[in-house]
Amino acid sequence: MRRSEFRRAVDDEFGGRASAVVTDLVLSRVGGRTAADAIAAGVDPREVWLALCEELDVPAERRYGVGRLEPRRS
């Protein structure tokens, strides 16, 4: 997962709360850091995304494959 995909996934899932979720919520799964701090420290965005999902009880069907843009149609 790229950082841009992470951002899209967070925005899509959490809407207006996305910024607060990324900067304020401390996640034990990524070393007791916020999502923003974990990514800045080099933690893989996919791992951070899954930590957010776990912490905020995002259903499994909305955890995988999110954040990607739809392929262009020819």
C-alpha atoms as a PDB file:
ATOM      1  CA  MET A   1       0.000   0.000   0.000  1.00  0.00           C
ATOM      2  CA  ARG A   2       1.357   3.394  -0.982  1.00  0.00           C
ATOM      3  CA  ARG A   3       0.967   6.468   1.183  1.00  0.00           C
ATOM      4  CA  SER A   4      -1.524   7.925  -1.287  1.00  0.00           C
ATOM      5  CA  GLU A   5      -3.573   4.718  -1.074  1.00  0.00           C
ATOM      6  CA  PHE A   6      -3.418   4.877   2.718  1.00  0.00           C
ATOM      7  CA  ARG A   7      -4.685   8.456   2.660  1.00  0.00           C
ATOM      8  CA  ARG A   8      -7.515   7.575   0.274  1.00  0.00           C
ATOM      9  CA  ALA A   9      -8.510   4.569   2.403  1.00  0.00           C
ATOM     10  CA  VAL A  10      -8.558   6.643   5.601  1.00  0.00           C
ATOM     11  CA  ASP A  11     -10.532   9.441   3.948  1.00  0.00           C
ATOM     12  CA  ASP A  12     -13.058   7.000   2.487  1.00  0.00           C
ATOM     13  CA  GLU A  13     -13.537   5.081   5.730  1.00  0.00           C
ATOM     14  CA  PHE A  14     -13.495   7.889   8.288  1.00  0.00           C
ATOM     15  CA  GLY A  15     -14.641  10.927   6.305  1.00  0.00           C
ATOM     16  CA  GLY A  16     -14.508  14.123   8.361  1.00  0.00           C
ATOM     17  CA  ARG A  17     -12.767  12.324  11.233  1.00  0.00           C
ATOM     18  CA  ALA A  18      -9.883  11.130   9.031  1.00  0.00           C
ATOM     19  CA  SER A  19      -7.418  13.821  10.047  1.00  0.00           C
ATOM     20  CA  ALA A  20      -8.059  13.327  13.762  1.00  0.00           C
ATOM     21  CA  VAL A  21      -7.851   9.533  13.435  1.00  0.00           C
ATOM     22  CA  VAL A  22      -4.430   9.794  11.787  1.00  0.00           C
ATOM     23  CA  THR A  23      -2.939  12.434  14.086  1.00  0.00           C
ATOM     24  CA  ASP A  24      -4.579  11.814  17.477  1.00  0.00           C
ATOM     25  CA  LEU A  25      -5.279   8.107  17.929  1.00  0.00           C
ATOM     26  CA  VAL A  26      -2.369   6.187  19.491  1.00  0.00           C
ATOM     27  CA  LEU A  27      -2.025   2.657  18.138  1.00  0.00           C
ATOM     28  CA  SER A  28      -0.303   0.024  20.262  1.00  0.00           C
ATOM     29  CA  ARG A  29       0.146  -2.260  17.238  1.00  0.00           C
ATOM     30  CA  VAL A  30       2.611   0.216  15.678  1.00  0.00           C
ATOM     31  CA  GLY A  31       4.667   0.938  18.765  1.00  0.00           C
ATOM     32  CA  GLY A  32       2.346   3.254  20.679  1.00  0.00           C
ATOM     33  CA  ARG A  33       2.439   5.904  17.964  1.00  0.00           C
ATOM     34  CA  THR A  34      -0.163   7.735  15.977  1.00  0.00           C
ATOM     35  CA  ALA A  35      -0.678   6.665  12.380  1.00  0.00           C
ATOM     36  CA  ALA A  36       1.077   9.820  11.171  1.00  0.00           C
ATOM     37  CA  ASP A  37       4.058   9.232  13.469  1.00  0.00           C
ATOM     38  CA  ALA A  38       4.291   5.559  12.514  1.00  0.00           C
ATOM     39  CA  ILE A  39       4.352   6.327   8.800  1.00  0.00           C
ATOM     40  CA  ALA A  40       6.913   9.098   9.348  1.00  0.00           C
ATOM     41  CA  ALA A  41       9.047   6.554  11.244  1.00  0.00           C
ATOM     42  CA  GLY A  42       8.969   4.192   8.261  1.00  0.00           C
ATOM     43  CA  VAL A  43       6.242   1.741   9.251  1.00  0.00           C
ATOM     44  CA  ASP A  44       4.591   0.293   6.155  1.00  0.00           C
ATOM     45  CA  PRO A  45       1.319   2.155   5.439  1.00  0.00           C
ATOM     46  CA  ARG A  46      -0.486  -1.208   5.037  1.00  0.00           C
ATOM     47  CA  GLU A  47       0.493  -2.146   8.610  1.00  0.00           C
ATOM     48  CA  VAL A  48      -0.691   1.248   9.871  1.00  0.00           C
ATOM     49  CA  TRP A  49      -3.975   0.898   7.965  1.00  0.00           C
ATOM     50  CA  LEU A  50      -4.604  -2.547   9.473  1.00  0.00           C
ATOM     51  CA  ALA A  51      -3.775  -1.199  12.957  1.00  0.00           C
ATOM     52  CA  LEU A  52      -6.341   1.572  12.479  1.00  0.00           C
ATOM     53  CA  CYS A  53      -8.912  -0.937  11.262  1.00  0.00           C
ATOM     54  CA  GLU A  54      -8.310  -3.196  14.228  1.00  0.00           C
ATOM     55  CA  GLU A  55      -8.468  -0.361  16.736  1.00  0.00           C
ATOM     56  CA  LEU A  56     -11.644   1.136  15.271  1.00  0.00           C
ATOM     57  CA  ASP A  57     -13.439  -2.144  14.473  1.00  0.00           C
ATOM     58  CA  VAL A  58     -13.581  -1.658  10.717  1.00  0.00           C
ATOM     59  CA  PRO A  59     -15.267  -4.762   9.252  1.00  0.00           C
ATOM     60  CA  ALA A  60     -12.915  -7.167   7.476  1.00  0.00           C
ATOM     61  CA  GLU A  61     -14.628  -6.656   4.117  1.00  0.00           C
ATOM     62  CA  ARG A  62     -13.582  -2.986   4.173  1.00  0.00           C
ATOM     63  CA  ARG A  63      -9.951  -3.576   5.194  1.00  0.00           C
ATOM     64  CA  TYR A  64      -8.371  -5.159   2.129  1.00  0.00           C
ATOM     65  CA  GLY A  65      -7.852  -3.710  -1.318  1.00  0.00           C
ATOM     66  CA  VAL A  66      -9.004  -0.234  -0.312  1.00  0.00           C
ATOM     67  CA  GLY A  67      -7.363   2.996  -1.367  1.00  0.00           C
ATOM     68  CA  ARG A  68      -6.656   1.920  -4.915  1.00  0.00           C
ATOM     69  CA  LEU A  69      -8.006   3.882  -7.808  1.00  0.00           C
ATOM     70  CA  GLU A  70     -10.202   2.092 -10.280  1.00  0.00           C
ATOM     71  CA  PRO A  71      -8.246   1.138 -13.425  1.00  0.00           C
ATOM     72  CA  ARG A  72      -8.751   3.369 -16.430  1.00  0.00           C
ATOM     73  CA  ARG A  73     -11.117   1.996 -19.002  1.00  0.00           C
ATOM     74  CA  SER A  74      -9.975   2.091 -22.627  1.00  0.00           C
END
